[in-house]
Amino acid sequence: MHDFDLQSISWDEWVGADRLMKHTEDNVLKQQALDKKQGMEKSTRSGRSQAKPKSSADVKLDKEETKSNVPKGKKRKADSGTEKGNVSAEKLVKIQIPSTLKKQLVDDWEFITQQNKLVKLPRSPTVDDILAKYLEYRSKKDGMMTDPVAEILNGIRLYFDKALPVILLYKKERQQYHEAVSANVSPSSVYGAEHLMRLFVKLPELLAYAKIEEETLNRMQQKFLDFLKFLQKNQGTFFLSAYDGPKASEGSGTDKDS
């Protein structure tokens, strides 16, 4: 029995590349302009502050490292629809990340940005593997295959594949991405839990742009929390305790397009 209806949700529209690129480029370019003009002074965007310390869950992912992820050479109409892309904090879905996974995010940031280490690719298990394991886990626990869960996992996979090259990579990982992912290879078949967790930091903001009813979003929120608990339960299996991939070069891949 479906505990909520997902038939009206178009995942393709939910993760439309054009919309995702537009909103993220608007946000990043706006932050770049503010940084250049005001340094680390308070941002005027939606009450967010550049100088305000980030929580551990944010791990600086939406700050200096992701600025380089915006493709260059794209002409955009000045301020066209930019303000409409802003989302109030009240509309954001609340996703409570377990404390041990928050620490994982902080360690992830430190390995890459402070120690110049990278995750060795391809990962095992991959994001695809983890999503499949969770679906199997839920099916056994519920005693049946649950379509709503499968739909949400499919949405997470699509979102991950669309968002990773745009907003989920640190600049030191750009070159590695271009070497590991080609037109016929999806990020979810290469990357693992470390990068999947970064999606959940960004997911509330991304979901705010989706055409999904509030009641459905609330139900999805519970599914996300259950999935995060599953990641936490299998943290020792899904996540690396140390990064032993190729050493990152300072600014490697910074000038490459996504």
C-alpha atoms as a PDB file:
ATOM      1  CA  MET A   1       0.000   0.000   0.000  1.00  0.00           C
ATOM      2  CA  HIS A   2       1.335   3.410  -0.939  1.00  0.00           C
ATOM      3  CA  ASP A   3       1.592   5.690   2.051  1.00  0.00           C
ATOM      4  CA  PHE A   4       1.598   8.706  -0.259  1.00  0.00           C
ATOM      5  CA  ASP A   5       1.036   9.313  -3.940  1.00  0.00           C
ATOM      6  CA  LEU A   6       4.027  10.047  -6.150  1.00  0.00           C
ATOM      7  CA  GLN A   7       2.253   9.652  -9.460  1.00  0.00           C
ATOM      8  CA  SER A   8       1.943  13.403  -9.969  1.00  0.00           C
ATOM      9  CA  ILE A   9       5.658  14.022  -9.491  1.00  0.00           C
ATOM     10  CA  SER A  10       7.743  14.308 -12.632  1.00  0.00           C
ATOM     11  CA  TRP A  11      11.283  13.421 -11.627  1.00  0.00           C
ATOM     12  CA  ASP A  12      12.614  14.703 -14.946  1.00  0.00           C
ATOM     13  CA  GLU A  13      11.133  18.106 -14.190  1.00  0.00           C
ATOM     14  CA  TRP A  14      12.224  17.849 -10.574  1.00  0.00           C
ATOM     15  CA  VAL A  15      15.843  17.506 -11.618  1.00  0.00           C
ATOM     16  CA  GLY A  16      15.697  19.426 -14.886  1.00  0.00           C
ATOM     17  CA  ALA A  17      19.255  20.365 -15.809  1.00  0.00           C
ATOM     18  CA  ASP A  18      18.311  23.827 -17.045  1.00  0.00           C
ATOM     19  CA  ARG A  19      16.557  24.750 -13.813  1.00  0.00           C
ATOM     20  CA  LEU A  20      19.259  23.234 -11.649  1.00  0.00           C
ATOM     21  CA  MET A  21      22.018  25.008 -13.545  1.00  0.00           C
ATOM     22  CA  LYS A  22      20.185  28.337 -13.524  1.00  0.00           C
ATOM     23  CA  HIS A  23      19.489  28.393  -9.806  1.00  0.00           C
ATOM     24  CA  THR A  24      22.929  27.202  -8.775  1.00  0.00           C
ATOM     25  CA  GLU A  25      24.735  29.527 -11.168  1.00  0.00           C
ATOM     26  CA  ASP A  26      22.685  32.458  -9.924  1.00  0.00           C
ATOM     27  CA  ASN A  27      23.555  31.647  -6.334  1.00  0.00           C
ATOM     28  CA  VAL A  28      27.252  31.038  -6.932  1.00  0.00           C
ATOM     29  CA  LEU A  29      27.740  34.087  -9.134  1.00  0.00           C
ATOM     30  CA  LYS A  30      25.962  36.228  -6.587  1.00  0.00           C
ATOM     31  CA  GLN A  31      28.270  34.928  -3.865  1.00  0.00           C
ATOM     32  CA  GLN A  32      31.308  35.583  -6.040  1.00  0.00           C
ATOM     33  CA  ALA A  33      30.257  39.189  -6.604  1.00  0.00           C
ATOM     34  CA  LEU A  34      29.678  39.718  -2.897  1.00  0.00           C
ATOM     35  CA  ASP A  35      33.012  38.179  -1.966  1.00  0.00           C
ATOM     36  CA  LYS A  36      34.817  40.387  -4.446  1.00  0.00           C
ATOM     37  CA  LYS A  37      33.118  43.560  -3.297  1.00  0.00           C
ATOM     38  CA  GLN A  38      32.681  42.989   0.405  1.00  0.00           C
ATOM     39  CA  GLY A  39      35.037  40.164   1.281  1.00  0.00           C
ATOM     40  CA  MET A  40      33.392  38.126   3.978  1.00  0.00           C
ATOM     41  CA  GLU A  41      30.775  40.718   4.955  1.00  0.00           C
ATOM     42  CA  LYS A  42      27.146  39.816   5.364  1.00  0.00           C
ATOM     43  CA  SER A  43      25.404  38.673   2.188  1.00  0.00           C
ATOM     44  CA  THR A  44      22.111  40.236   1.134  1.00  0.00           C
ATOM     45  CA  ARG A  45      20.806  36.937  -0.238  1.00  0.00           C
ATOM     46  CA  SER A  46      17.813  35.614   1.682  1.00  0.00           C
ATOM     47  CA  GLY A  47      19.314  36.670   5.000  1.00  0.00           C
ATOM     48  CA  ARG A  48      22.274  34.341   4.531  1.00  0.00           C
ATOM     49  CA  SER A  49      25.601  35.573   5.817  1.00  0.00           C
ATOM     50  CA  GLN A  50      28.986  35.037   4.255  1.00  0.00           C
ATOM     51  CA  ALA A  51      30.676  35.896   7.549  1.00  0.00           C
ATOM     52  CA  LYS A  52      28.404  33.740   9.663  1.00  0.00           C
ATOM     53  CA  PRO A  53      30.116  30.496  10.689  1.00  0.00           C
ATOM     54  CA  LYS A  54      28.700  27.425   8.981  1.00  0.00           C
ATOM     55  CA  SER A  55      27.335  24.473  10.857  1.00  0.00           C
ATOM     56  CA  SER A  56      29.301  21.257  10.612  1.00  0.00           C
ATOM     57  CA  ALA A  57      26.718  19.870   8.188  1.00  0.00           C
ATOM     58  CA  ASP A  58      27.446  22.684   5.746  1.00  0.00           C
ATOM     59  CA  VAL A  59      31.193  21.908   5.847  1.00  0.00           C
ATOM     60  CA  LYS A  60      31.871  24.949   3.696  1.00  0.00           C
ATOM     61  CA  LEU A  61      30.542  23.048   0.693  1.00  0.00           C
ATOM     62  CA  ASP A  62      28.592  26.026  -0.605  1.00  0.00           C
ATOM     63  CA  LYS A  63      31.408  28.470   0.016  1.00  0.00           C
ATOM     64  CA  GLU A  64      34.832  28.973  -1.531  1.00  0.00           C
ATOM     65  CA  GLU A  65      35.383  25.527  -2.990  1.00  0.00           C
ATOM     66  CA  THR A  66      32.241  25.309  -5.114  1.00  0.00           C
ATOM     67  CA  LYS A  67      32.598  28.738  -6.686  1.00  0.00           C
ATOM     68  CA  SER A  68      34.679  27.245  -9.472  1.00  0.00           C
ATOM     69  CA  ASN A  69      31.949  24.791 -10.432  1.00  0.00           C
ATOM     70  CA  VAL A  70      29.997  27.281 -12.544  1.00  0.00           C
ATOM     71  CA  PRO A  71      30.620  26.696 -16.261  1.00  0.00           C
ATOM     72  CA  LYS A  72      32.334  29.658 -17.867  1.00  0.00           C
ATOM     73  CA  GLY A  73      31.468  31.372 -21.096  1.00  0.00           C
ATOM     74  CA  LYS A  74      27.699  31.185 -20.660  1.00  0.00           C
ATOM     75  CA  LYS A  75      25.883  34.449 -21.270  1.00  0.00           C
ATOM     76  CA  ARG A  76      23.028  35.119 -18.917  1.00  0.00           C
ATOM     77  CA  LYS A  77      20.444  37.871 -18.875  1.00  0.00           C
ATOM     78  CA  ALA A  78      21.178  40.343 -16.111  1.00  0.00           C
ATOM     79  CA  ASP A  79      19.072  39.546 -13.062  1.00  0.00           C
ATOM     80  CA  SER A  80      16.483  37.741 -15.207  1.00  0.00           C
ATOM     81  CA  GLY A  81      14.529  35.672 -12.732  1.00  0.00           C
ATOM     82  CA  THR A  82      17.349  35.744 -10.210  1.00  0.00           C
ATOM     83  CA  GLU A  83      15.288  37.050  -7.352  1.00  0.00           C
ATOM     84  CA  LYS A  84      12.549  34.564  -8.119  1.00  0.00           C
ATOM     85  CA  GLY A  85      15.131  31.857  -7.554  1.00  0.00           C
ATOM     86  CA  ASN A  86      15.585  32.890  -3.934  1.00  0.00           C
ATOM     87  CA  VAL A  87      13.823  30.670  -1.435  1.00  0.00           C
ATOM     88  CA  SER A  88      12.894  31.677   2.092  1.00  0.00           C
ATOM     89  CA  ALA A  89      14.198  29.577   4.963  1.00  0.00           C
ATOM     90  CA  GLU A  90      10.628  28.756   5.964  1.00  0.00           C
ATOM     91  CA  LYS A  91      10.101  26.844   2.729  1.00  0.00           C
ATOM     92  CA  LEU A  92      13.178  24.675   3.106  1.00  0.00           C
ATOM     93  CA  VAL A  93      12.680  21.026   3.966  1.00  0.00           C
ATOM     94  CA  LYS A  94      14.354  20.197   7.261  1.00  0.00           C
ATOM     95  CA  ILE A  95      16.651  17.197   6.983  1.00  0.00           C
ATOM     96  CA  GLN A  96      18.232  16.242  10.296  1.00  0.00           C
ATOM     97  CA  ILE A  97      21.641  14.737   9.589  1.00  0.00           C
ATOM     98  CA  PRO A  98      22.822  12.321  12.325  1.00  0.00           C
ATOM     99  CA  SER A  99      25.794  13.622  14.310  1.00  0.00           C
ATOM    100  CA  THR A 100      28.174  10.880  13.173  1.00  0.00           C
ATOM    101  CA  LEU A 101      27.392  11.693   9.544  1.00  0.00           C
ATOM    102  CA  LYS A 102      27.966  15.386  10.243  1.00  0.00           C
ATOM    103  CA  LYS A 103      31.419  14.449  11.479  1.00  0.00           C
ATOM    104  CA  GLN A 104      31.885  12.405   8.310  1.00  0.00           C
ATOM    105  CA  LEU A 105      31.139  15.530   6.275  1.00  0.00           C
ATOM    106  CA  VAL A 106      33.637  17.577   8.267  1.00  0.00           C
ATOM    107  CA  ASP A 107      36.309  14.891   7.862  1.00  0.00           C
ATOM    108  CA  ASP A 108      35.520  14.783   4.142  1.00  0.00           C
ATOM    109  CA  TRP A 109      36.081  18.536   3.874  1.00  0.00           C
ATOM    110  CA  GLU A 110      39.340  18.347   5.831  1.00  0.00           C
ATOM    111  CA  PHE A 111      40.785  15.439   3.829  1.00  0.00           C
ATOM    112  CA  ILE A 112      40.248  17.274   0.549  1.00  0.00           C
ATOM    113  CA  THR A 113      40.713  20.960   1.296  1.00  0.00           C
ATOM    114  CA  GLN A 114      43.298  20.779   4.082  1.00  0.00           C
ATOM    115  CA  GLN A 115      45.219  17.568   3.351  1.00  0.00           C
ATOM    116  CA  ASN A 116      44.903  17.635  -0.456  1.00  0.00           C
ATOM    117  CA  LYS A 117      43.684  14.040  -0.559  1.00  0.00           C
ATOM    118  CA  LEU A 118      41.052  12.622  -2.884  1.00  0.00           C
ATOM    119  CA  VAL A 119      38.618   9.730  -2.713  1.00  0.00           C
ATOM    120  CA  LYS A 120      39.938   6.889  -4.851  1.00  0.00           C
ATOM    121  CA  LEU A 121      37.576   6.297  -7.773  1.00  0.00           C
ATOM    122  CA  PRO A 122      35.618   4.297  -8.646  1.00  0.00           C
ATOM    123  CA  ARG A 123      34.226   3.764  -5.157  1.00  0.00           C
ATOM    124  CA  SER A 124      32.851   0.527  -3.821  1.00  0.00           C
ATOM    125  CA  PRO A 125      30.050   0.547  -2.951  1.00  0.00           C
ATOM    126  CA  THR A 126      28.896   3.169  -5.418  1.00  0.00           C
ATOM    127  CA  VAL A 127      25.871   5.413  -4.946  1.00  0.00           C
ATOM    128  CA  ASP A 128      23.920   3.015  -7.174  1.00  0.00           C
ATOM    129  CA  ASP A 129      24.959   0.108  -4.941  1.00  0.00           C
ATOM    130  CA  ILE A 130      23.953   1.927  -1.759  1.00  0.00           C
ATOM    131  CA  LEU A 131      20.537   2.867  -3.121  1.00  0.00           C
ATOM    132  CA  ALA A 132      19.965  -0.736  -4.205  1.00  0.00           C
ATOM    133  CA  LYS A 133      20.997  -2.018  -0.770  1.00  0.00           C
ATOM    134  CA  TYR A 134      18.584   0.372   0.918  1.00  0.00           C
ATOM    135  CA  LEU A 135      15.719  -0.699  -1.342  1.00  0.00           C
ATOM    136  CA  GLU A 136      16.464  -4.327  -0.499  1.00  0.00           C
ATOM    137  CA  TYR A 137      16.598  -3.453   3.196  1.00  0.00           C
ATOM    138  CA  ARG A 138      13.235  -1.655   3.083  1.00  0.00           C
ATOM    139  CA  SER A 139      11.630  -4.417   1.050  1.00  0.00           C
ATOM    140  CA  LYS A 140      12.667  -7.061   3.575  1.00  0.00           C
ATOM    141  CA  LYS A 141      11.638  -4.911   6.518  1.00  0.00           C
ATOM    142  CA  ASP A 142       8.259  -4.026   5.013  1.00  0.00           C
ATOM    143  CA  GLY A 143       7.706  -7.493   3.591  1.00  0.00           C
ATOM    144  CA  MET A 144       7.136  -6.152   0.084  1.00  0.00           C
ATOM    145  CA  MET A 145       8.535  -3.923  -2.634  1.00  0.00           C
ATOM    146  CA  THR A 146       7.461  -0.363  -1.870  1.00  0.00           C
ATOM    147  CA  ASP A 147       6.972   1.788  -4.956  1.00  0.00           C
ATOM    148  CA  PRO A 148       7.162   5.139  -3.106  1.00  0.00           C
ATOM    149  CA  VAL A 149      10.585   4.238  -1.724  1.00  0.00           C
ATOM    150  CA  ALA A 150      11.785   3.103  -5.147  1.00  0.00           C
ATOM    151  CA  GLU A 151      10.559   6.371  -6.672  1.00  0.00           C
ATOM    152  CA  ILE A 152      12.331   8.477  -4.066  1.00  0.00           C
ATOM    153  CA  LEU A 153      15.570   6.540  -4.517  1.00  0.00           C
ATOM    154  CA  ASN A 154      15.299   7.043  -8.254  1.00  0.00           C
ATOM    155  CA  GLY A 155      14.850  10.758  -7.628  1.00  0.00           C
ATOM    156  CA  ILE A 156      17.918  10.832  -5.372  1.00  0.00           C
ATOM    157  CA  ARG A 157      19.951   9.077  -8.065  1.00  0.00           C
ATOM    158  CA  LEU A 158      18.826  11.511 -10.760  1.00  0.00           C
ATOM    159  CA  TYR A 159      19.462  14.485  -8.504  1.00  0.00           C
ATOM    160  CA  PHE A 160      22.919  13.197  -7.620  1.00  0.00           C
ATOM    161  CA  ASP A 161      23.880  12.702 -11.266  1.00  0.00           C
ATOM    162  CA  LYS A 162      22.668  16.193 -12.186  1.00  0.00           C
ATOM    163  CA  ALA A 163      24.003  18.027  -9.141  1.00  0.00           C
ATOM    164  CA  LEU A 164      27.423  16.435  -8.657  1.00  0.00           C
ATOM    165  CA  PRO A 165      29.317  18.277 -11.423  1.00  0.00           C
ATOM    166  CA  VAL A 166      27.493  21.528 -10.654  1.00  0.00           C
ATOM    167  CA  ILE A 167      27.502  21.972  -6.877  1.00  0.00           C
ATOM    168  CA  LEU A 168      28.827  18.870  -5.099  1.00  0.00           C
ATOM    169  CA  LEU A 169      32.524  18.973  -5.959  1.00  0.00           C
ATOM    170  CA  TYR A 170      35.360  20.885  -4.366  1.00  0.00           C
ATOM    171  CA  LYS A 171      37.583  22.626  -6.896  1.00  0.00           C
ATOM    172  CA  LYS A 172      40.418  20.226  -6.112  1.00  0.00           C
ATOM    173  CA  GLU A 173      38.225  17.360  -7.316  1.00  0.00           C
ATOM    174  CA  ARG A 174      37.385  18.842 -10.712  1.00  0.00           C
ATOM    175  CA  GLN A 175      40.203  17.245 -12.674  1.00  0.00           C
ATOM    176  CA  GLN A 176      39.490  13.850 -11.140  1.00  0.00           C
ATOM    177  CA  TYR A 177      35.826  14.169 -12.142  1.00  0.00           C
ATOM    178  CA  HIS A 178      36.695  14.844 -15.785  1.00  0.00           C
ATOM    179  CA  GLU A 179      38.979  11.814 -15.800  1.00  0.00           C
ATOM    180  CA  ALA A 180      36.463   9.476 -14.132  1.00  0.00           C
ATOM    181  CA  VAL A 181      33.139  10.461 -15.695  1.00  0.00           C
ATOM    182  CA  SER A 182      32.378  10.498 -19.405  1.00  0.00           C
ATOM    183  CA  ALA A 183      29.223  10.965 -21.467  1.00  0.00           C
ATOM    184  CA  ASN A 184      28.356   7.288 -21.095  1.00  0.00           C
ATOM    185  CA  VAL A 185      29.195   7.047 -17.396  1.00  0.00           C
ATOM    186  CA  SER A 186      26.914   8.352 -14.652  1.00  0.00           C
ATOM    187  CA  PRO A 187      28.413   9.819 -11.453  1.00  0.00           C
ATOM    188  CA  SER A 188      26.234   7.483  -9.364  1.00  0.00           C
ATOM    189  CA  SER A 189      28.098   4.519 -10.850  1.00  0.00           C
ATOM    190  CA  VAL A 190      31.498   5.994  -9.920  1.00  0.00           C
ATOM    191  CA  TYR A 191      31.149   7.967  -6.676  1.00  0.00           C
ATOM    192  CA  GLY A 192      30.136   6.659  -3.263  1.00  0.00           C
ATOM    193  CA  ALA A 193      28.729   7.612   0.121  1.00  0.00           C
ATOM    194  CA  GLU A 194      31.150  10.491   0.684  1.00  0.00           C
ATOM    195  CA  HIS A 195      29.725  12.505  -2.199  1.00  0.00           C
ATOM    196  CA  LEU A 196      26.178  11.262  -1.649  1.00  0.00           C
ATOM    197  CA  MET A 197      26.201  12.849   1.805  1.00  0.00           C
ATOM    198  CA  ARG A 198      27.026  16.213   0.254  1.00  0.00           C
ATOM    199  CA  LEU A 199      23.778  15.991  -1.711  1.00  0.00           C
ATOM    200  CA  PHE A 200      21.789  15.845   1.523  1.00  0.00           C
ATOM    201  CA  VAL A 201      23.396  19.114   2.629  1.00  0.00           C
ATOM    202  CA  LYS A 202      22.110  20.743  -0.557  1.00  0.00           C
ATOM    203  CA  LEU A 203      18.851  18.815  -0.897  1.00  0.00           C
ATOM    204  CA  PRO A 204      16.612  21.170   1.145  1.00  0.00           C
ATOM    205  CA  GLU A 205      17.476  24.115  -1.095  1.00  0.00           C
ATOM    206  CA  LEU A 206      17.156  22.083  -4.282  1.00  0.00           C
ATOM    207  CA  LEU A 207      13.795  20.647  -3.265  1.00  0.00           C
ATOM    208  CA  ALA A 208      12.485  24.141  -2.637  1.00  0.00           C
ATOM    209  CA  TYR A 209      12.591  24.710  -6.396  1.00  0.00           C
ATOM    210  CA  ALA A 210      10.617  21.549  -7.134  1.00  0.00           C
ATOM    211  CA  LYS A 211       6.918  21.554  -7.896  1.00  0.00           C
ATOM    212  CA  ILE A 212       6.002  19.198  -5.074  1.00  0.00           C
ATOM    213  CA  GLU A 213       3.119  19.641  -2.659  1.00  0.00           C
ATOM    214  CA  GLU A 214       4.077  20.519   0.911  1.00  0.00           C
ATOM    215  CA  GLU A 215       2.381  17.419   2.331  1.00  0.00           C
ATOM    216  CA  THR A 216       4.301  15.197  -0.064  1.00  0.00           C
ATOM    217  CA  LEU A 217       7.553  16.976   0.809  1.00  0.00           C
ATOM    218  CA  ASN A 218       6.908  16.306   4.485  1.00  0.00           C
ATOM    219  CA  ARG A 219       6.434  12.613   3.768  1.00  0.00           C
ATOM    220  CA  MET A 220       9.559  12.543   1.653  1.00  0.00           C
ATOM    221  CA  GLN A 221      11.425  14.166   4.511  1.00  0.00           C
ATOM    222  CA  GLN A 222      10.658  11.151   6.694  1.00  0.00           C
ATOM    223  CA  LYS A 223      11.961   8.841   3.968  1.00  0.00           C
ATOM    224  CA  PHE A 224      15.165  10.856   3.752  1.00  0.00           C
ATOM    225  CA  LEU A 225      15.653  10.592   7.509  1.00  0.00           C
ATOM    226  CA  ASP A 226      15.174   6.832   7.379  1.00  0.00           C
ATOM    227  CA  PHE A 227      17.704   6.599   4.556  1.00  0.00           C
ATOM    228  CA  LEU A 228      20.231   8.651   6.537  1.00  0.00           C
ATOM    229  CA  LYS A 229      19.776   6.341   9.514  1.00  0.00           C
ATOM    230  CA  PHE A 230      20.517   3.447   7.159  1.00  0.00           C
ATOM    231  CA  LEU A 231      23.726   5.183   6.074  1.00  0.00           C
ATOM    232  CA  GLN A 232      24.631   5.769   9.704  1.00  0.00           C
ATOM    233  CA  LYS A 233      23.999   2.130  10.579  1.00  0.00           C
ATOM    234  CA  ASN A 234      26.325   1.054   7.756  1.00  0.00           C
ATOM    235  CA  GLN A 235      28.793   3.896   8.128  1.00  0.00           C
ATOM    236  CA  GLY A 236      31.769   1.608   8.632  1.00  0.00           C
ATOM    237  CA  THR A 237      30.962  -0.253   5.412  1.00  0.00           C
ATOM    238  CA  PHE A 238      29.855   2.588   3.154  1.00  0.00           C
ATOM    239  CA  PHE A 239      32.352   5.327   4.051  1.00  0.00           C
ATOM    240  CA  LEU A 240      36.130   5.542   3.848  1.00  0.00           C
ATOM    241  CA  SER A 241      37.974   6.120   7.103  1.00  0.00           C
ATOM    242  CA  ALA A 242      40.888   7.671   5.214  1.00  0.00           C
ATOM    243  CA  TYR A 243      41.364   8.992   1.694  1.00  0.00           C
ATOM    244  CA  ASP A 244      44.161   7.278  -0.185  1.00  0.00           C
ATOM    245  CA  GLY A 245      43.313   8.360  -3.707  1.00  0.00           C
ATOM    246  CA  PRO A 246      45.537  10.560  -5.909  1.00  0.00           C
ATOM    247  CA  LYS A 247      46.892  13.657  -4.239  1.00  0.00           C
ATOM    248  CA  ALA A 248      44.965  16.768  -5.223  1.00  0.00           C
ATOM    249  CA  SER A 249      46.794  19.619  -6.889  1.00  0.00           C
ATOM    250  CA  GLU A 250      45.985  23.107  -5.671  1.00  0.00           C
ATOM    251  CA  GLY A 251      43.253  24.460  -7.904  1.00  0.00           C
ATOM    252  CA  SER A 252      43.378  21.477 -10.270  1.00  0.00           C
ATOM    253  CA  GLY A 253      40.550  21.644 -12.776  1.00  0.00           C
ATOM    254  CA  THR A 254      39.471  25.078 -11.601  1.00  0.00           C
ATOM    255  CA  ASP A 255      39.171  26.495 -15.110  1.00  0.00           C
ATOM    256  CA  LYS A 256      37.435  23.513 -16.648  1.00  0.00           C
ATOM    257  CA  ASP A 257      33.762  23.548 -17.509  1.00  0.00           C
ATOM    258  CA  SER A 258      31.368  21.162 -15.799  1.00  0.00           C
END
